[in-house]
C-alpha atoms as a PDB file:
ATOM      1  CA  MET A   1      23.336 202.652  56.700  1.00  0.00           C
ATOM      2  CA  GLY A   2      20.702 200.972  58.940  1.00  0.00           C
ATOM      3  CA  SER A   3      20.769 201.355  62.677  1.00  0.00           C
ATOM      4  CA  HIS A   4      21.503 198.440  64.945  1.00  0.00           C
ATOM      5  CA  PRO A   5      18.923 197.869  67.743  1.00  0.00           C
ATOM      6  CA  VAL A   6      21.519 197.043  70.417  1.00  0.00           C
ATOM      7  CA  ALA A   7      23.593 200.087  69.501  1.00  0.00           C
ATOM      8  CA  ASN A   8      20.456 202.238  69.792  1.00  0.00           C
ATOM      9  CA  GLN A   9      19.696 200.848  73.253  1.00  0.00           C
ATOM     10  CA  VAL A  10      23.207 201.648  74.447  1.00  0.00           C
ATOM     11  CA  ALA A  11      23.182 205.046  72.723  1.00  0.00           C
ATOM     12  CA  ASN A  12      19.876 205.880  74.421  1.00  0.00           C
ATOM     13  CA  ALA A  13      21.038 204.634  77.810  1.00  0.00           C
ATOM     14  CA  VAL A  14      20.853 206.997  80.780  1.00  0.00           C
ATOM     15  CA  TYR A  15      23.693 206.975  83.282  1.00  0.00           C
ATOM     16  CA  ILE A  16      22.356 206.176  86.729  1.00  0.00           C
ATOM     17  CA  CYS A  17      25.673 205.759  88.554  1.00  0.00           C
ATOM     18  CA  ILE A  18      28.255 208.177  87.192  1.00  0.00           C
ATOM     19  CA  CYS A  19      30.969 206.947  89.580  1.00  0.00           C
ATOM     20  CA  ASN A  20      30.928 203.452  88.073  1.00  0.00           C
ATOM     21  CA  GLY A  21      29.452 204.155  84.632  1.00  0.00           C
ATOM     22  CA  VAL A  22      26.277 202.120  85.243  1.00  0.00           C
ATOM     23  CA  THR A  23      23.340 202.840  82.927  1.00  0.00           C
ATOM     24  CA  ASP A  24      19.635 202.059  83.171  1.00  0.00           C
ATOM     25  CA  HIS A  25      20.261 199.427  80.492  1.00  0.00           C
ATOM     26  CA  ASP A  26      22.881 197.758  82.740  1.00  0.00           C
ATOM     27  CA  ILE A  27      20.403 197.679  85.642  1.00  0.00           C
ATOM     28  CA  ARG A  28      17.615 196.181  83.512  1.00  0.00           C
ATOM     29  CA  GLN A  29      20.089 193.621  82.189  1.00  0.00           C
ATOM     30  CA  ALA A  30      21.055 192.681  85.757  1.00  0.00           C
ATOM     31  CA  ALA A  31      17.355 192.378  86.687  1.00  0.00           C
ATOM     32  CA  ALA A  32      16.786 190.133  83.675  1.00  0.00           C
ATOM     33  CA  ALA A  33      19.657 187.965  84.913  1.00  0.00           C
ATOM     34  CA  GLY A  34      17.951 187.569  88.306  1.00  0.00           C
ATOM     35  CA  CYS A  35      19.169 190.511  90.371  1.00  0.00           C
ATOM     36  CA  LYS A  36      16.526 191.266  93.021  1.00  0.00           C
ATOM     37  CA  SER A  37      18.017 193.705  95.510  1.00  0.00           C
ATOM     38  CA  MET A  38      20.138 196.822  95.664  1.00  0.00           C
ATOM     39  CA  PRO A  39      23.028 195.092  97.501  1.00  0.00           C
ATOM     40  CA  GLU A  40      23.074 192.432  94.794  1.00  0.00           C
ATOM     41  CA  LEU A  41      22.936 195.121  92.089  1.00  0.00           C
ATOM     42  CA  THR A  42      25.924 196.834  93.704  1.00  0.00           C
ATOM     43  CA  MET A  43      27.852 193.562  93.657  1.00  0.00           C
ATOM     44  CA  ARG A  44      26.959 192.912  90.003  1.00  0.00           C
ATOM     45  CA  THR A  45      27.394 196.406  88.562  1.00  0.00           C
ATOM     46  CA  GLY A  46      29.045 198.607  91.175  1.00  0.00           C
ATOM     47  CA  ALA A  47      26.036 200.972  91.211  1.00  0.00           C
ATOM     48  CA  GLY A  48      25.900 202.792  94.538  1.00  0.00           C
ATOM     49  CA  GLY A  49      29.276 201.479  95.623  1.00  0.00           C
ATOM     50  CA  ASN A  50      31.013 204.855  95.860  1.00  0.00           C
ATOM     51  CA  CYS A  51      29.181 208.049  96.818  1.00  0.00           C
ATOM     52  CA  GLY A  52      25.692 206.523  97.019  1.00  0.00           C
ATOM     53  CA  SER A  53      23.891 209.466  95.391  1.00  0.00           C
ATOM     54  CA  CYS A  54      22.455 207.112  92.748  1.00  0.00           C
ATOM     55  CA  LEU A  55      20.868 204.646  95.177  1.00  0.00           C
ATOM     56  CA  GLU A  56      17.351 206.068  94.971  1.00  0.00           C
ATOM     57  CA  MET A  57      17.300 206.164  91.159  1.00  0.00           C
ATOM     58  CA  ALA A  58      18.999 202.764  90.819  1.00  0.00           C
ATOM     59  CA  THR A  59      16.440 201.239  93.200  1.00  0.00           C
ATOM     60  CA  GLU A  60      13.614 202.771  91.167  1.00  0.00           C
ATOM     61  CA  VAL A  61      14.951 201.357  87.885  1.00  0.00           C
ATOM     62  CA  LEU A  62      15.482 197.948  89.498  1.00  0.00           C
ATOM     63  CA  ASP A  63      11.961 197.961  90.996  1.00  0.00           C
ATOM     64  CA  LYS A  64      10.425 198.871  87.636  1.00  0.00           C
ATOM     65  CA  ALA A  65      12.223 195.927  86.082  1.00  0.00           C
ATOM     66  CA  ARG A  66      10.404 193.645  88.545  1.00  0.00           C
ATOM     67  CA  GLY A  67       6.948 192.539  87.543  1.00  0.00           C
ATOM     68  CA  MET A  68       8.297 191.177  84.304  1.00  0.00           C
ATOM     69  CA  ARG A  69       8.275 187.626  83.009  1.00  0.00           C
ATOM     70  CA  LEU A  70      10.114 185.740  80.310  1.00  0.00           C
ATOM     71  CA  ALA A  71       8.459 185.998  76.910  1.00  0.00           C
ATOM     72  CA  ILE A  72       8.299 182.257  76.297  1.00  0.00           C
ATOM     73  CA  PRO A  73       5.325 180.032  75.486  1.00  0.00           C
ATOM     74  CA  SER A  74       3.417 178.523  78.397  1.00  0.00           C
ATOM     75  CA  GLY A  75       4.738 175.131  79.444  1.00  0.00           C
ATOM     76  CA  THR A  76       8.275 175.782  78.225  1.00  0.00           C
ATOM     77  CA  ALA A  77      11.417 176.812  80.046  1.00  0.00           C
ATOM     78  CA  VAL A  78      14.773 178.465  79.547  1.00  0.00           C
ATOM     79  CA  ARG A  79      17.602 176.741  81.370  1.00  0.00           C
ATOM     80  CA  PHE A  80      20.465 178.721  82.885  1.00  0.00           C
ATOM     81  CA  GLU A  81      23.657 176.946  83.884  1.00  0.00           C
ATOM     82  CA  PRO A  82      26.053 178.618  86.341  1.00  0.00           C
ATOM     83  CA  GLY A  83      28.181 181.182  84.535  1.00  0.00           C
ATOM     84  CA  GLN A  84      26.096 180.965  81.376  1.00  0.00           C
ATOM     85  CA  THR A  85      24.565 184.053  79.818  1.00  0.00           C
ATOM     86  CA  ARG A  86      21.560 184.195  77.508  1.00  0.00           C
ATOM     87  CA  GLU A  87      19.627 186.933  75.787  1.00  0.00           C
ATOM     88  CA  VAL A  88      16.019 186.842  76.964  1.00  0.00           C
ATOM     89  CA  THR A  89      13.028 189.052  76.314  1.00  0.00           C
ATOM     90  CA  LEU A  90      10.967 190.268  79.256  1.00  0.00           C
ATOM     91  CA  VAL A  91       7.361 191.389  79.077  1.00  0.00           C
ATOM     92  CA  ALA A  92       5.250 193.001  81.776  1.00  0.00           C
ATOM     93  CA  LEU A  93       2.949 190.824  83.828  1.00  0.00           C
ATOM     94  CA  GLY A  94      -0.670 191.428  82.907  1.00  0.00           C
ATOM     95  CA  GLY A  95      -3.946 191.081  84.768  1.00  0.00           C
ATOM     96  CA  LYS A  96      -4.154 192.296  88.362  1.00  0.00           C
ATOM     97  CA  ARG A  97      -0.331 192.433  88.610  1.00  0.00           C
ATOM     98  CA  GLU A  98      -0.404 190.573  91.919  1.00  0.00           C
ATOM     99  CA  VAL A  99       2.296 188.055  92.699  1.00  0.00           C
ATOM    100  CA  TYR A 100       2.540 185.749  95.694  1.00  0.00           C
ATOM    101  CA  GLY A 101       5.634 183.772  96.474  1.00  0.00           C
ATOM    102  CA  PHE A 102       9.157 184.184  95.191  1.00  0.00           C
ATOM    103  CA  ARG A 103      10.550 183.291  98.619  1.00  0.00           C
ATOM    104  CA  GLN A 104       7.925 185.687 100.044  1.00  0.00           C
ATOM    105  CA  GLU A 105       9.851 188.644  98.590  1.00  0.00           C
ATOM    106  CA  VAL A 106       6.728 189.663  96.666  1.00  0.00           C
ATOM    107  CA  MET A 107       3.401 189.189  98.408  1.00  0.00           C
ATOM    108  CA  GLY A 108       0.705 191.133  96.602  1.00  0.00           C
ATOM    109  CA  LYS A 109       0.524 194.011  94.171  1.00  0.00           C
ATOM    110  CA  LEU A 110       3.612 194.961  92.205  1.00  0.00           C
END
């Protein structure tokens, strides 16, 4: 029987927040959906909402998920309507890995 890629991702997931059962996969998925901060991650997933011992690791996983872009051809777009979910592929930014803008949340090296 062949293995299913999504099942492998979940099977290989590492629990970051034991209290709420949040994995690294869940955090990367939230980042792919636009989550940018730890308070927002807590609202979306519950990570860090109880004892708080996972905050440092959850922040690290969320930060590593930044510096990614959608893997779509230049000049195209993916539209997201409120409440809609889509599967997207993220790839790391190349080059100097410097970003300026994004509501001035990122101003320089990633």
